[in-house]
Amino acid sequence: MLHPARSTVLPLKAVAVPRWKRSHHDTLDDSLQRLTMAWMKALPESVRPHQCARRHPRVLNNIAALWGLPLRCLDYLDELQADQRGHRQGFGHEIALELRRLRTRRVALVAAARQSPPPDFPVTQPMAL
């Protein structure tokens, strides 16, 4: 049992946490997730974002997660290219180029999907009215 006269309570120090450490992103985002690695392997070699994977895995994890949602993915890729907050450095030339290639690929896949029916949808003859 603690005796009240003998216990010493040290004042708590206020610890300033750097702004970049207060971010809400998960520590798993500091490396590529399995889904992201599988997604990258499915991309054509000429489109694979190797530099972005090394330097910005969190960004690539987000792109891979959104890839199946074409419009949202395109919005996210557009957001990455435009500084909305006014104080960002932006990506280097090589990474910006990789992001543009990904966007071009996503647009091409959307266009191709519009041209052909879904694979499980049977092609039918038009009905006579």
Protein backbone atom coordinates (compact mmCIF):
# COMPACT_ATOMS: atom_id res chain seq x y z
CA MET A 1 0.00 0.00 0.00
CA LEU A 2 1.30 3.42 -0.87
CA HIS A 3 1.67 5.94 1.86
CA PRO A 4 0.38 9.36 0.72
CA ALA A 5 3.24 11.23 2.36
CA ARG A 6 5.90 9.09 0.68
CA SER A 7 4.57 9.03 -2.86
CA THR A 8 6.01 11.62 -5.12
CA VAL A 9 4.18 12.65 -8.21
CA LEU A 10 6.31 14.12 -10.91
CA PRO A 11 4.66 16.73 -13.09
CA LEU A 12 3.82 15.50 -16.56
CA LYS A 13 5.85 17.06 -19.29
CA ALA A 14 4.03 18.26 -22.33
CA VAL A 15 5.61 16.46 -25.22
CA ALA A 16 5.32 18.18 -28.54
CA VAL A 17 4.61 15.59 -31.20
CA PRO A 18 5.80 16.66 -34.64
CA ARG A 19 2.95 17.36 -37.02
CA TRP A 20 3.98 14.61 -39.42
CA LYS A 21 3.78 12.05 -36.61
CA ARG A 22 0.24 13.11 -35.69
CA SER A 23 -1.01 11.96 -39.03
CA HIS A 24 -3.98 9.61 -38.98
CA HIS A 25 -2.44 7.07 -41.33
CA ASP A 26 -1.77 3.58 -40.11
CA THR A 27 1.78 2.33 -39.57
CA LEU A 28 1.02 -0.42 -42.07
CA ASP A 29 1.01 2.30 -44.69
CA ASP A 30 4.75 2.71 -44.24
CA SER A 31 5.21 -0.34 -46.46
CA LEU A 32 3.40 -1.89 -49.40
CA GLN A 33 0.45 -4.07 -48.50
CA ARG A 34 -0.07 -7.49 -50.08
CA LEU A 35 -3.00 -6.22 -52.14
CA THR A 36 -0.77 -3.47 -53.53
CA MET A 37 1.99 -5.90 -54.48
CA ALA A 38 -0.50 -8.18 -56.25
CA TRP A 39 -2.03 -5.19 -58.03
CA MET A 40 1.41 -4.01 -59.18
CA LYS A 41 2.22 -7.46 -60.60
CA ALA A 42 -1.02 -7.36 -62.60
CA LEU A 43 -0.04 -4.05 -64.23
CA PRO A 44 1.94 -4.01 -67.47
CA GLU A 45 5.65 -3.55 -66.72
CA SER A 46 5.70 -0.18 -68.50
CA VAL A 47 3.10 1.19 -66.07
CA ARG A 48 4.38 -0.22 -62.77
CA PRO A 49 5.15 2.63 -60.34
CA HIS A 50 8.45 1.37 -58.87
CA GLN A 51 9.70 4.76 -57.63
CA CYS A 52 6.40 5.57 -55.96
CA ALA A 53 6.40 2.13 -54.32
CA ARG A 54 9.80 2.82 -52.79
CA ARG A 55 9.25 6.40 -51.72
CA HIS A 56 5.50 6.72 -51.10
CA PRO A 57 4.01 3.30 -50.24
CA ARG A 58 1.00 4.87 -48.49
CA VAL A 59 0.00 6.65 -51.69
CA LEU A 60 0.35 3.47 -53.71
CA ASN A 61 -1.67 1.48 -51.14
CA ASN A 62 -4.48 4.01 -51.58
CA ILE A 63 -4.33 3.80 -55.38
CA ALA A 64 -4.42 0.00 -55.31
CA ALA A 65 -7.39 0.04 -52.92
CA LEU A 66 -9.28 2.46 -55.20
CA TRP A 67 -8.32 0.83 -58.51
CA GLY A 68 -11.60 -1.13 -58.64
CA LEU A 69 -13.59 2.11 -58.24
CA PRO A 70 -12.64 3.86 -61.48
CA LEU A 71 -14.11 7.31 -60.89
CA ARG A 72 -12.89 7.53 -57.30
CA CYS A 73 -9.46 6.30 -58.37
CA LEU A 74 -9.26 8.95 -61.09
CA ASP A 75 -10.33 11.62 -58.60
CA TYR A 76 -7.60 10.51 -56.19
CA LEU A 77 -4.96 10.51 -58.93
CA ASP A 78 -6.08 14.02 -59.90
CA GLU A 79 -5.88 15.15 -56.26
CA LEU A 80 -2.30 13.90 -56.09
CA GLN A 81 -1.35 15.99 -59.10
CA ALA A 82 -2.90 19.22 -57.77
CA ASP A 83 -1.88 20.87 -54.51
CA GLN A 84 -5.14 21.62 -52.69
CA ARG A 85 -3.57 22.83 -49.44
CA GLY A 86 -1.03 25.28 -50.82
CA HIS A 87 1.95 24.12 -48.78
CA ARG A 88 2.95 20.82 -50.32
CA GLN A 89 6.25 20.23 -52.10
CA GLY A 90 4.74 17.95 -54.67
CA PHE A 91 6.19 14.79 -56.12
CA GLY A 92 9.44 14.61 -57.99
CA HIS A 93 9.42 14.38 -61.77
CA GLU A 94 9.79 10.59 -61.91
CA ILE A 95 6.95 9.91 -59.47
CA ALA A 96 4.67 12.48 -61.13
CA LEU A 97 5.31 10.69 -64.43
CA GLU A 98 4.42 7.32 -62.87
CA LEU A 99 1.18 8.78 -61.50
CA ARG A 100 0.28 10.16 -64.94
CA ARG A 101 0.94 6.73 -66.49
CA LEU A 102 -1.36 5.12 -63.91
CA ARG A 103 -4.07 7.66 -64.65
CA THR A 104 -3.74 7.05 -68.39
CA ARG A 105 -4.00 3.29 -67.79
CA ARG A 106 -7.09 3.70 -65.60
CA VAL A 107 -8.79 5.91 -68.21
CA ALA A 108 -8.00 3.34 -70.93
CA LEU A 109 -9.52 0.54 -68.85
CA VAL A 110 -12.68 2.57 -68.27
CA ALA A 111 -12.98 3.27 -72.01
CA ALA A 112 -12.44 -0.41 -72.86
CA ALA A 113 -15.10 -1.47 -70.34
CA ARG A 114 -17.62 0.89 -71.93
CA GLN A 115 -16.96 -0.63 -75.35
CA SER A 116 -17.66 -4.23 -74.39
CA PRO A 117 -20.39 -5.82 -72.27
CA PRO A 118 -19.50 -7.37 -68.93
CA PRO A 119 -18.13 -10.92 -69.36
CA ASP A 120 -21.09 -12.55 -67.57
CA PHE A 121 -23.69 -10.64 -69.58
CA PRO A 122 -24.95 -12.69 -72.54
CA VAL A 123 -25.04 -10.90 -75.86
CA THR A 124 -28.60 -10.99 -77.15
CA GLN A 125 -30.37 -10.14 -80.36
CA PRO A 126 -32.47 -6.98 -80.36
CA MET A 127 -36.14 -7.67 -79.82
CA ALA A 128 -38.58 -6.93 -82.60
CA LEU A 129 -41.25 -4.53 -81.52
